[in-house]
Amino acid sequence: MRSALAASLLVVALVGSVLLVRYGRSRRRSPLETAIDDRLAASMGPGTGSHLERAPRVRRLEVLEEDADDPVYAPHVRIELGTTDAPGTKLVFEYVASVLEAAHPVLCERDERVAYYDVEFTFGPDGLLVEGECRRVTVPAGLADELLEDDRYRAFDLRRDVERADGDGESVAALWQPCRS
């Protein structure tokens, strides 16, 4: 009986150790990801008037073209909402505009090329037996340029343009689609 209990505890300890090593390892973040995260934290972190408990983060900085001298990026920024229901589109696009206003200048200052931004929103109950929902808004880089260059172009205009381009085979724009894995 003792040896069976000891063997069971050993197996549990080994499995726990493997899981900690496997999931506890964080991948190394690039200086570009860190710079974007820092800008997001400064402009959208807790206490800055955003209703967020934590600042959005770059979940992934996808490289679409592997040209070593001039890669093309697609930043995926995640906003974790502590709500059970999906947010309204007005609030969604206020967040999307804020993310673009924070992240796009970092990439422009470094002369990095961007194809598009995926701004992901997680919400809903999330636990052991239930998984929350994740939806994204994909914004072509040209609309991010427009947002930063034209003082009259705001979140409402951005929403209108993404809605118009959503589903167009020529555009990567997407409105409230499931997140990509």
N, C-alpha and C. Protein backbone atom coordinates (compact mmCIF):
# COMPACT_ATOMS: atom_id res chain seq x y z
N MET A 1 0.82 -1.19 0.00
CA MET A 1 0.00 0.00 0.00
C MET A 1 0.87 1.25 0.00
N ARG A 2 1.91 1.23 0.88
CA ARG A 2 2.80 2.40 0.93
C ARG A 2 3.55 2.58 -0.37
N SER A 3 3.99 1.49 -0.97
CA SER A 3 4.74 1.62 -2.21
C SER A 3 3.84 2.11 -3.35
N ALA A 4 2.57 1.71 -3.36
CA ALA A 4 1.64 2.20 -4.38
C ALA A 4 1.38 3.69 -4.18
N LEU A 5 1.23 4.11 -2.94
CA LEU A 5 1.02 5.52 -2.64
C LEU A 5 2.26 6.33 -3.00
N ALA A 6 3.42 5.81 -2.66
CA ALA A 6 4.68 6.49 -2.98
C ALA A 6 4.85 6.60 -4.50
N ALA A 7 4.52 5.55 -5.22
CA ALA A 7 4.63 5.56 -6.69
C ALA A 7 3.66 6.57 -7.29
N SER A 8 2.46 6.62 -6.74
CA SER A 8 1.47 7.59 -7.23
C SER A 8 1.93 9.01 -7.00
N LEU A 9 2.47 9.27 -5.81
CA LEU A 9 2.96 10.61 -5.52
C LEU A 9 4.14 10.99 -6.42
N LEU A 10 4.98 10.01 -6.70
CA LEU A 10 6.12 10.26 -7.59
C LEU A 10 5.63 10.61 -9.00
N VAL A 11 4.64 9.88 -9.48
CA VAL A 11 4.09 10.16 -10.81
C VAL A 11 3.48 11.55 -10.84
N VAL A 12 2.70 11.92 -9.83
CA VAL A 12 2.08 13.24 -9.76
C VAL A 12 3.16 14.32 -9.73
N ALA A 13 4.20 14.11 -8.95
CA ALA A 13 5.29 15.09 -8.87
C ALA A 13 6.00 15.24 -10.21
N LEU A 14 6.24 14.13 -10.89
CA LEU A 14 6.91 14.19 -12.19
C LEU A 14 6.04 14.89 -13.24
N VAL A 15 4.77 14.54 -13.27
CA VAL A 15 3.87 15.18 -14.22
C VAL A 15 3.77 16.68 -13.92
N GLY A 16 3.66 17.03 -12.66
CA GLY A 16 3.60 18.44 -12.28
C GLY A 16 4.87 19.17 -12.68
N SER A 17 6.01 18.55 -12.51
CA SER A 17 7.28 19.18 -12.89
C SER A 17 7.37 19.40 -14.39
N VAL A 18 6.93 18.39 -15.16
CA VAL A 18 6.95 18.51 -16.61
C VAL A 18 6.03 19.65 -17.05
N LEU A 19 4.85 19.71 -16.46
CA LEU A 19 3.91 20.78 -16.82
C LEU A 19 4.47 22.15 -16.46
N LEU A 20 5.09 22.28 -15.31
CA LEU A 20 5.67 23.56 -14.92
C LEU A 20 6.77 23.98 -15.87
N VAL A 21 7.62 23.02 -16.24
CA VAL A 21 8.70 23.35 -17.16
C VAL A 21 8.13 23.70 -18.53
N ARG A 22 7.15 22.91 -18.98
CA ARG A 22 6.58 23.13 -20.31
C ARG A 22 5.84 24.45 -20.41
N TYR A 23 4.98 24.73 -19.45
CA TYR A 23 4.16 25.93 -19.51
C TYR A 23 4.77 27.11 -18.78
N GLY A 24 5.71 26.87 -17.92
CA GLY A 24 6.33 27.95 -17.17
C GLY A 24 7.36 28.71 -17.97
N ARG A 25 7.86 28.08 -19.01
CA ARG A 25 8.84 28.75 -19.87
C ARG A 25 8.16 29.82 -20.67
N SER A 26 8.65 31.00 -20.60
CA SER A 26 8.09 32.03 -21.46
C SER A 26 9.05 32.23 -22.62
N ARG A 27 8.48 32.40 -23.78
CA ARG A 27 9.36 32.61 -24.92
C ARG A 27 10.01 33.98 -24.78
N ARG A 28 11.13 34.09 -25.35
CA ARG A 28 11.87 35.35 -25.28
C ARG A 28 11.18 36.38 -26.18
N ARG A 29 10.90 37.52 -25.62
CA ARG A 29 10.23 38.58 -26.37
C ARG A 29 11.28 39.44 -27.06
N SER A 30 10.96 39.83 -28.28
CA SER A 30 11.88 40.67 -29.04
C SER A 30 11.87 42.09 -28.47
N PRO A 31 12.92 42.86 -28.73
CA PRO A 31 12.93 44.26 -28.29
C PRO A 31 11.76 45.05 -28.88
N LEU A 32 11.33 44.69 -30.09
CA LEU A 32 10.20 45.38 -30.72
C LEU A 32 8.90 45.08 -29.96
N GLU A 33 8.67 43.82 -29.60
CA GLU A 33 7.50 43.47 -28.80
C GLU A 33 7.51 44.19 -27.46
N THR A 34 8.66 44.23 -26.83
CA THR A 34 8.79 44.90 -25.54
C THR A 34 8.50 46.40 -25.67
N ALA A 35 8.99 47.02 -26.73
CA ALA A 35 8.75 48.46 -26.94
C ALA A 35 7.26 48.73 -27.15
N ILE A 36 6.59 47.87 -27.92
CA ILE A 36 5.15 48.05 -28.14
C ILE A 36 4.40 47.83 -26.83
N ASP A 37 4.76 46.78 -26.09
CA ASP A 37 4.12 46.53 -24.79
C ASP A 37 4.29 47.71 -23.84
N ASP A 38 5.48 48.27 -23.82
CA ASP A 38 5.73 49.43 -22.94
C ASP A 38 4.84 50.61 -23.32
N ARG A 39 4.70 50.87 -24.61
CA ARG A 39 3.85 51.98 -25.07
C ARG A 39 2.39 51.70 -24.75
N LEU A 40 1.96 50.45 -24.92
CA LEU A 40 0.57 50.08 -24.58
C LEU A 40 0.32 50.25 -23.09
N ALA A 41 1.29 49.85 -22.27
CA ALA A 41 1.14 49.98 -20.81
C ALA A 41 1.07 51.45 -20.40
N ALA A 42 1.87 52.28 -21.05
CA ALA A 42 1.87 53.70 -20.70
C ALA A 42 0.57 54.39 -21.10
N SER A 43 -0.01 53.98 -22.21
CA SER A 43 -1.21 54.68 -22.69
C SER A 43 -2.52 54.00 -22.31
N MET A 44 -2.48 52.71 -22.01
CA MET A 44 -3.73 51.98 -21.75
C MET A 44 -3.67 51.13 -20.49
N GLY A 45 -2.69 51.36 -19.66
CA GLY A 45 -2.57 50.56 -18.45
C GLY A 45 -3.57 50.95 -17.38
N PRO A 46 -3.64 50.16 -16.32
CA PRO A 46 -4.53 50.51 -15.21
C PRO A 46 -4.21 51.90 -14.67
N GLY A 47 -5.26 52.64 -14.35
CA GLY A 47 -5.06 53.98 -13.81
C GLY A 47 -4.93 55.06 -14.86
N THR A 48 -5.02 54.68 -16.15
CA THR A 48 -4.90 55.70 -17.21
C THR A 48 -6.26 56.07 -17.77
N GLY A 49 -7.31 55.63 -17.14
CA GLY A 49 -8.65 55.98 -17.58
C GLY A 49 -9.26 54.97 -18.50
N SER A 50 -8.60 53.86 -18.75
CA SER A 50 -9.13 52.86 -19.69
C SER A 50 -10.05 51.83 -19.05
N HIS A 51 -10.52 51.57 -18.17
CA HIS A 51 -11.34 50.51 -17.57
C HIS A 51 -10.70 49.13 -17.64
N LEU A 52 -9.46 49.05 -17.98
CA LEU A 52 -8.80 47.75 -18.07
C LEU A 52 -8.05 47.46 -16.78
N GLU A 53 -8.12 46.21 -16.34
CA GLU A 53 -7.39 45.82 -15.14
C GLU A 53 -5.91 45.64 -15.44
N ARG A 54 -5.57 45.33 -16.70
CA ARG A 54 -4.18 45.26 -17.12
C ARG A 54 -4.07 45.74 -18.55
N ALA A 55 -2.91 46.19 -18.87
CA ALA A 55 -2.68 46.76 -20.21
C ALA A 55 -2.74 45.68 -21.28
N PRO A 56 -3.14 46.05 -22.48
CA PRO A 56 -3.06 45.11 -23.60
C PRO A 56 -1.60 44.71 -23.81
N ARG A 57 -1.41 43.54 -24.40
CA ARG A 57 -0.06 43.04 -24.68
C ARG A 57 0.02 42.48 -26.08
N VAL A 58 1.21 42.51 -26.63
CA VAL A 58 1.45 41.85 -27.91
C VAL A 58 1.45 40.35 -27.64
N ARG A 59 0.48 39.66 -28.19
CA ARG A 59 0.41 38.21 -28.02
C ARG A 59 1.38 37.54 -28.98
N ARG A 60 1.49 38.13 -30.16
CA ARG A 60 2.39 37.56 -31.16
C ARG A 60 2.75 38.65 -32.15
N LEU A 61 3.99 38.65 -32.58
CA LEU A 61 4.45 39.57 -33.62
C LEU A 61 4.78 38.69 -34.82
N GLU A 62 3.78 38.48 -35.65
CA GLU A 62 3.91 37.57 -36.79
C GLU A 62 4.75 38.23 -37.88
N VAL A 63 5.65 37.45 -38.45
CA VAL A 63 6.47 37.92 -39.57
C VAL A 63 5.86 37.30 -40.83
N LEU A 64 5.30 38.15 -41.68
CA LEU A 64 4.62 37.67 -42.88
C LEU A 64 5.58 37.44 -44.04
N GLU A 65 6.60 38.28 -44.13
CA GLU A 65 7.63 38.13 -45.15
C GLU A 65 8.96 38.03 -44.43
N GLU A 66 9.69 36.98 -44.70
CA GLU A 66 10.91 36.67 -43.97
C GLU A 66 12.15 37.42 -44.44
N ASP A 67 12.01 38.41 -45.31
CA ASP A 67 13.16 39.16 -45.79
C ASP A 67 13.92 39.72 -44.59
N ALA A 68 15.13 39.25 -44.38
CA ALA A 68 15.91 39.61 -43.19
C ALA A 68 16.17 41.12 -43.11
N ASP A 69 16.31 41.76 -44.25
CA ASP A 69 16.60 43.20 -44.23
C ASP A 69 15.36 44.06 -44.05
N ASP A 70 14.21 43.54 -44.46
CA ASP A 70 13.00 44.36 -44.42
C ASP A 70 11.76 43.47 -44.22
N PRO A 71 11.61 42.88 -43.04
CA PRO A 71 10.45 41.99 -42.82
C PRO A 71 9.14 42.79 -42.77
N VAL A 72 8.04 42.08 -43.00
CA VAL A 72 6.71 42.67 -42.90
C VAL A 72 6.01 42.01 -41.72
N TYR A 73 5.52 42.84 -40.80
CA TYR A 73 4.93 42.34 -39.55
C TYR A 73 3.40 42.42 -39.54
N ALA A 74 2.84 41.59 -38.68
CA ALA A 74 1.41 41.64 -38.35
C ALA A 74 1.31 41.47 -36.83
N PRO A 75 1.27 42.58 -36.09
CA PRO A 75 1.15 42.48 -34.63
C PRO A 75 -0.24 41.99 -34.22
N HIS A 76 -0.26 41.09 -33.25
CA HIS A 76 -1.51 40.59 -32.67
C HIS A 76 -1.51 41.08 -31.22
N VAL A 77 -2.38 42.02 -30.91
CA VAL A 77 -2.45 42.61 -29.58
C VAL A 77 -3.71 42.10 -28.90
N ARG A 78 -3.56 41.62 -27.67
CA ARG A 78 -4.69 41.06 -26.94
C ARG A 78 -5.14 42.00 -25.83
N ILE A 79 -6.45 42.22 -25.78
CA ILE A 79 -7.08 42.99 -24.72
C ILE A 79 -7.97 42.03 -23.95
N GLU A 80 -7.69 41.86 -22.68
CA GLU A 80 -8.49 40.96 -21.85
C GLU A 80 -9.53 41.78 -21.10
N LEU A 81 -10.78 41.57 -21.47
CA LEU A 81 -11.87 42.27 -20.82
C LEU A 81 -12.40 41.39 -19.68
N GLY A 82 -12.65 41.98 -18.56
CA GLY A 82 -13.16 41.23 -17.42
C GLY A 82 -14.68 41.19 -17.42
N THR A 83 -15.28 41.07 -18.60
CA THR A 83 -16.73 41.08 -18.69
C THR A 83 -17.25 39.71 -19.11
N THR A 84 -18.50 39.45 -18.80
CA THR A 84 -19.10 38.18 -19.21
C THR A 84 -19.73 38.31 -20.59
N ASP A 85 -20.09 39.51 -20.98
CA ASP A 85 -20.74 39.73 -22.27
C ASP A 85 -19.79 40.40 -23.26
N ALA A 86 -20.12 40.24 -24.54
CA ALA A 86 -19.34 40.89 -25.58
C ALA A 86 -19.53 42.40 -25.48
N PRO A 87 -18.48 43.18 -25.69
CA PRO A 87 -18.61 44.64 -25.66
C PRO A 87 -19.31 45.14 -26.92
N GLY A 88 -19.86 46.35 -26.85
CA GLY A 88 -20.46 46.98 -28.02
C GLY A 88 -19.40 47.45 -28.99
N THR A 89 -19.78 47.63 -30.25
CA THR A 89 -18.79 48.02 -31.27
C THR A 89 -18.20 49.40 -31.02
N LYS A 90 -18.95 50.29 -30.40
CA LYS A 90 -18.39 51.61 -30.10
C LYS A 90 -17.20 51.48 -29.16
N LEU A 91 -17.36 50.71 -28.08
CA LEU A 91 -16.27 50.50 -27.13
C LEU A 91 -15.12 49.73 -27.78
N VAL A 92 -15.45 48.72 -28.56
CA VAL A 92 -14.42 47.93 -29.25
C VAL A 92 -13.53 48.84 -30.08
N PHE A 93 -14.13 49.73 -30.86
CA PHE A 93 -13.31 50.57 -31.75
C PHE A 93 -12.60 51.70 -31.01
N GLU A 94 -13.09 52.09 -29.85
CA GLU A 94 -12.31 53.02 -29.03
C GLU A 94 -11.03 52.33 -28.57
N TYR A 95 -11.14 51.06 -28.16
CA TYR A 95 -9.95 50.30 -27.78
C TYR A 95 -9.03 50.06 -28.98
N VAL A 96 -9.60 49.69 -30.12
CA VAL A 96 -8.79 49.44 -31.31
C VAL A 96 -8.03 50.71 -31.69
N ALA A 97 -8.71 51.85 -31.69
CA ALA A 97 -8.04 53.11 -32.02
C ALA A 97 -6.92 53.41 -31.03
N SER A 98 -7.16 53.17 -29.75
CA SER A 98 -6.13 53.41 -28.73
C SER A 98 -4.92 52.50 -28.92
N VAL A 99 -5.17 51.24 -29.27
CA VAL A 99 -4.07 50.30 -29.54
C VAL A 99 -3.25 50.79 -30.72
N LEU A 100 -3.92 51.19 -31.79
CA LEU A 100 -3.20 51.66 -32.98
C LEU A 100 -2.42 52.93 -32.70
N GLU A 101 -3.02 53.85 -31.93
CA GLU A 101 -2.33 55.09 -31.59
C GLU A 101 -1.09 54.85 -30.73
N ALA A 102 -1.09 53.76 -29.97
CA ALA A 102 0.08 53.42 -29.15
C ALA A 102 1.10 52.59 -29.92
N ALA A 103 0.65 51.59 -30.65
CA ALA A 103 1.57 50.63 -31.27
C ALA A 103 2.14 51.11 -32.61
N HIS A 104 1.33 51.71 -33.44
CA HIS A 104 1.78 52.07 -34.79
C HIS A 104 2.98 53.02 -34.80
N PRO A 105 3.00 54.04 -33.94
CA PRO A 105 4.19 54.91 -33.94
C PRO A 105 5.48 54.18 -33.59
N VAL A 106 5.41 53.17 -32.72
CA VAL A 106 6.62 52.42 -32.36
C VAL A 106 7.21 51.77 -33.61
N LEU A 107 6.36 51.18 -34.41
CA LEU A 107 6.82 50.52 -35.63
C LEU A 107 7.28 51.53 -36.67
N CYS A 108 6.57 52.64 -36.78
CA CYS A 108 6.96 53.69 -37.75
C CYS A 108 8.30 54.32 -37.38
N GLU A 109 8.51 54.57 -36.08
CA GLU A 109 9.77 55.17 -35.63
C GLU A 109 10.96 54.29 -35.98
N ARG A 110 10.74 52.99 -36.05
CA ARG A 110 11.82 52.05 -36.36
C ARG A 110 11.83 51.65 -37.84
N ASP A 111 11.03 52.33 -38.64
CA ASP A 111 10.93 52.05 -40.08
C ASP A 111 10.58 50.59 -40.37
N GLU A 112 9.72 50.01 -39.55
CA GLU A 112 9.27 48.64 -39.75
C GLU A 112 8.02 48.65 -40.63
N ARG A 113 7.91 47.68 -41.51
CA ARG A 113 6.73 47.57 -42.36
C ARG A 113 5.68 46.71 -41.67
N VAL A 114 4.44 47.17 -41.74
CA VAL A 114 3.31 46.45 -41.12
C VAL A 114 2.26 46.22 -42.20
N ALA A 115 1.74 45.00 -42.25
CA ALA A 115 0.65 44.68 -43.19
C ALA A 115 -0.69 44.99 -42.55
N TYR A 116 -0.85 44.56 -41.31
CA TYR A 116 -2.11 44.76 -40.60
C TYR A 116 -1.91 44.54 -39.11
N TYR A 117 -2.92 44.93 -38.35
CA TYR A 117 -2.96 44.70 -36.90
C TYR A 117 -4.16 43.83 -36.59
N ASP A 118 -3.97 42.83 -35.77
CA ASP A 118 -5.08 42.06 -35.20
C ASP A 118 -5.22 42.52 -33.76
N VAL A 119 -6.36 43.11 -33.43
CA VAL A 119 -6.63 43.50 -32.04
C VAL A 119 -7.66 42.49 -31.53
N GLU A 120 -7.23 41.68 -30.58
CA GLU A 120 -8.04 40.57 -30.06
C GLU A 120 -8.66 40.95 -28.72
N PHE A 121 -9.89 40.53 -28.53
CA PHE A 121 -10.62 40.78 -27.29
C PHE A 121 -11.04 39.45 -26.69
N THR A 122 -10.69 39.24 -25.41
CA THR A 122 -11.19 38.06 -24.72
C THR A 122 -12.21 38.52 -23.70
N PHE A 123 -13.26 37.73 -23.55
CA PHE A 123 -14.34 38.06 -22.62
C PHE A 123 -15.14 36.80 -22.35
N GLY A 124 -16.04 36.89 -21.43
CA GLY A 124 -16.90 35.76 -21.10
C GLY A 124 -16.33 34.93 -19.98
N PRO A 125 -17.14 34.01 -19.48
CA PRO A 125 -16.67 33.17 -18.39
C PRO A 125 -15.50 32.31 -18.85
N ASP A 126 -14.52 32.19 -17.99
CA ASP A 126 -13.33 31.41 -18.30
C ASP A 126 -12.93 30.66 -17.05
N GLY A 127 -12.85 29.38 -17.15
CA GLY A 127 -12.50 28.59 -15.98
C GLY A 127 -12.08 27.20 -16.37
N LEU A 128 -12.16 26.30 -15.43
CA LEU A 128 -11.70 24.94 -15.64
C LEU A 128 -12.56 24.22 -16.68
N LEU A 129 -13.86 24.42 -16.63
CA LEU A 129 -14.76 23.71 -17.53
C LEU A 129 -15.30 24.56 -18.67
N VAL A 130 -15.12 25.85 -18.59
CA VAL A 130 -15.67 26.77 -19.58
C VAL A 130 -14.55 27.65 -20.12
N GLU A 131 -14.56 27.85 -21.42
CA GLU A 131 -13.54 28.71 -22.01
C GLU A 131 -14.20 29.99 -22.49
N GLY A 132 -13.57 31.12 -22.20
CA GLY A 132 -14.08 32.41 -22.64
C GLY A 132 -13.99 32.53 -24.15
N GLU A 133 -14.52 33.61 -24.65
CA GLU A 133 -14.55 33.84 -26.10
C GLU A 133 -13.44 34.80 -26.50
N CYS A 134 -12.95 34.65 -27.71
CA CYS A 134 -11.93 35.55 -28.25
C CYS A 134 -12.37 35.99 -29.64
N ARG A 135 -12.47 37.29 -29.84
CA ARG A 135 -12.84 37.88 -31.13
C ARG A 135 -11.80 38.92 -31.51
N ARG A 136 -11.66 39.15 -32.81
CA ARG A 136 -10.64 40.08 -33.28
C ARG A 136 -11.21 41.07 -34.29
N VAL A 137 -10.53 42.20 -34.36
CA VAL A 137 -10.74 43.20 -35.40
C VAL A 137 -9.40 43.32 -36.11
N THR A 138 -9.40 43.12 -37.42
CA THR A 138 -8.17 43.22 -38.21
C THR A 138 -8.21 44.53 -38.99
N VAL A 139 -7.16 45.32 -38.78
CA VAL A 139 -7.09 46.66 -39.38
C VAL A 139 -5.87 46.74 -40.30
N PRO A 140 -6.08 47.00 -41.58
CA PRO A 140 -4.94 47.19 -42.48
C PRO A 140 -4.09 48.38 -42.03
N ALA A 141 -2.81 48.31 -42.29
CA ALA A 141 -1.88 49.36 -41.85
C ALA A 141 -2.25 50.72 -42.43
N GLY A 142 -2.82 50.76 -43.61
CA GLY A 142 -3.22 52.04 -44.21
C GLY A 142 -4.25 52.78 -43.38
N LEU A 143 -5.16 52.05 -42.74
CA LEU A 143 -6.14 52.70 -41.87
C LEU A 143 -5.49 53.18 -40.57
N ALA A 144 -4.47 52.47 -40.11
CA ALA A 144 -3.72 52.95 -38.93
C ALA A 144 -3.00 54.25 -39.28
N ASP A 145 -2.42 54.31 -40.48
CA ASP A 145 -1.79 55.57 -40.94
C ASP A 145 -2.80 56.70 -40.94
N GLU A 146 -3.99 56.42 -41.48
CA GLU A 146 -5.05 57.44 -41.57
C GLU A 146 -5.42 57.95 -40.18
N LEU A 147 -5.53 57.04 -39.23
CA LEU A 147 -5.90 57.41 -37.86
C LEU A 147 -4.87 58.35 -37.24
N LEU A 148 -3.60 58.10 -37.53
CA LEU A 148 -2.55 58.91 -36.92
C LEU A 148 -2.27 60.21 -37.67
N GLU A 149 -2.56 60.23 -38.96
CA GLU A 149 -2.21 61.41 -39.75
C GLU A 149 -3.33 62.43 -39.87
N ASP A 150 -4.57 62.01 -39.73
CA ASP A 150 -5.70 62.91 -39.92
C ASP A 150 -6.41 63.10 -38.58
N ASP A 151 -6.35 64.31 -38.04
CA ASP A 151 -6.96 64.60 -36.74
C ASP A 151 -8.48 64.42 -36.74
N ARG A 152 -9.08 64.49 -37.91
CA ARG A 152 -10.55 64.34 -38.00
C ARG A 152 -10.98 62.88 -38.11
N TYR A 153 -10.04 61.98 -38.38
CA TYR A 153 -10.34 60.55 -38.53
C TYR A 153 -10.28 59.90 -37.15
N ARG A 154 -11.39 59.42 -36.65
CA ARG A 154 -11.47 58.89 -35.29
C ARG A 154 -11.96 57.44 -35.29
N ALA A 155 -12.25 56.94 -34.12
CA ALA A 155 -12.68 55.55 -33.95
C ALA A 155 -13.93 55.24 -34.77
N PHE A 156 -14.86 56.20 -34.82
CA PHE A 156 -16.08 56.00 -35.60
C PHE A 156 -15.75 55.78 -37.08
N ASP A 157 -14.86 56.59 -37.61
CA ASP A 157 -14.46 56.47 -39.02
C ASP A 157 -13.74 55.16 -39.27
N LEU A 158 -12.90 54.79 -38.33
CA LEU A 158 -12.17 53.52 -38.44
C LEU A 158 -13.16 52.36 -38.49
N ARG A 159 -14.15 52.37 -37.61
CA ARG A 159 -15.17 51.32 -37.59
C ARG A 159 -15.90 51.26 -38.94
N ARG A 160 -16.30 52.40 -39.45
CA ARG A 160 -17.00 52.46 -40.73
C ARG A 160 -16.15 51.85 -41.84
N ASP A 161 -14.86 52.18 -41.88
CA ASP A 161 -14.00 51.68 -42.95
C ASP A 161 -13.70 50.19 -42.81
N VAL A 162 -13.55 49.71 -41.59
CA VAL A 162 -13.34 48.27 -41.39
C VAL A 162 -14.61 47.51 -41.75
N GLU A 163 -15.77 48.04 -41.37
CA GLU A 163 -17.04 47.39 -41.74
C GLU A 163 -17.19 47.30 -43.26
N ARG A 164 -16.85 48.37 -43.96
CA ARG A 164 -16.96 48.37 -45.42
C ARG A 164 -16.02 47.36 -46.07
N ALA A 165 -14.83 47.23 -45.53
CA ALA A 165 -13.82 46.35 -46.13
C ALA A 165 -13.94 44.89 -45.68
N ASP A 166 -14.67 44.64 -44.59
CA ASP A 166 -14.82 43.28 -44.08
C ASP A 166 -15.49 42.40 -45.14
N GLY A 167 -14.87 41.29 -45.45
CA GLY A 167 -15.44 40.38 -46.44
C GLY A 167 -15.02 40.68 -47.86
N ASP A 168 -14.38 41.82 -48.07
CA ASP A 168 -13.87 42.17 -49.40
C ASP A 168 -12.63 41.31 -49.65
N GLY A 169 -12.61 40.60 -50.73
CA GLY A 169 -11.48 39.72 -51.04
C GLY A 169 -10.16 40.45 -51.23
N GLU A 170 -10.22 41.74 -51.47
CA GLU A 170 -9.02 42.54 -51.68
C GLU A 170 -8.40 43.04 -50.37
N SER A 171 -9.16 42.97 -49.28
CA SER A 171 -8.71 43.56 -48.01
C SER A 171 -8.57 42.49 -46.93
N VAL A 172 -7.66 42.74 -46.01
CA VAL A 172 -7.49 41.84 -44.86
C VAL A 172 -8.38 42.25 -43.70
N ALA A 173 -9.08 43.37 -43.85
CA ALA A 173 -9.92 43.88 -42.76
C ALA A 173 -10.94 42.84 -42.32
N ALA A 174 -11.13 42.75 -41.01
CA ALA A 174 -12.11 41.81 -40.45
C ALA A 174 -12.76 42.46 -39.25
N LEU A 175 -14.05 42.27 -39.15
CA LEU A 175 -14.83 42.85 -38.06
C LEU A 175 -15.40 41.73 -37.21
N TRP A 176 -14.89 41.62 -36.00
CA TRP A 176 -15.42 40.72 -34.98
C TRP A 176 -15.43 39.27 -35.41
N GLN A 177 -14.30 38.81 -35.91
CA GLN A 177 -14.11 37.43 -36.32
C GLN A 177 -13.47 36.63 -35.18
N PRO A 178 -13.62 35.31 -35.17
CA PRO A 178 -12.92 34.52 -34.15
C PRO A 178 -11.41 34.74 -34.24
N CYS A 179 -10.74 34.71 -33.10
CA CYS A 179 -9.30 34.89 -33.08
C CYS A 179 -8.61 33.75 -33.81
N ARG A 180 -7.46 34.06 -34.36
CA ARG A 180 -6.64 33.05 -35.02
C ARG A 180 -5.80 32.35 -33.96
N SER A 181 -5.53 31.11 -34.17
CA SER A 181 -4.74 30.39 -33.15
C SER A 181 -3.28 30.68 -33.25
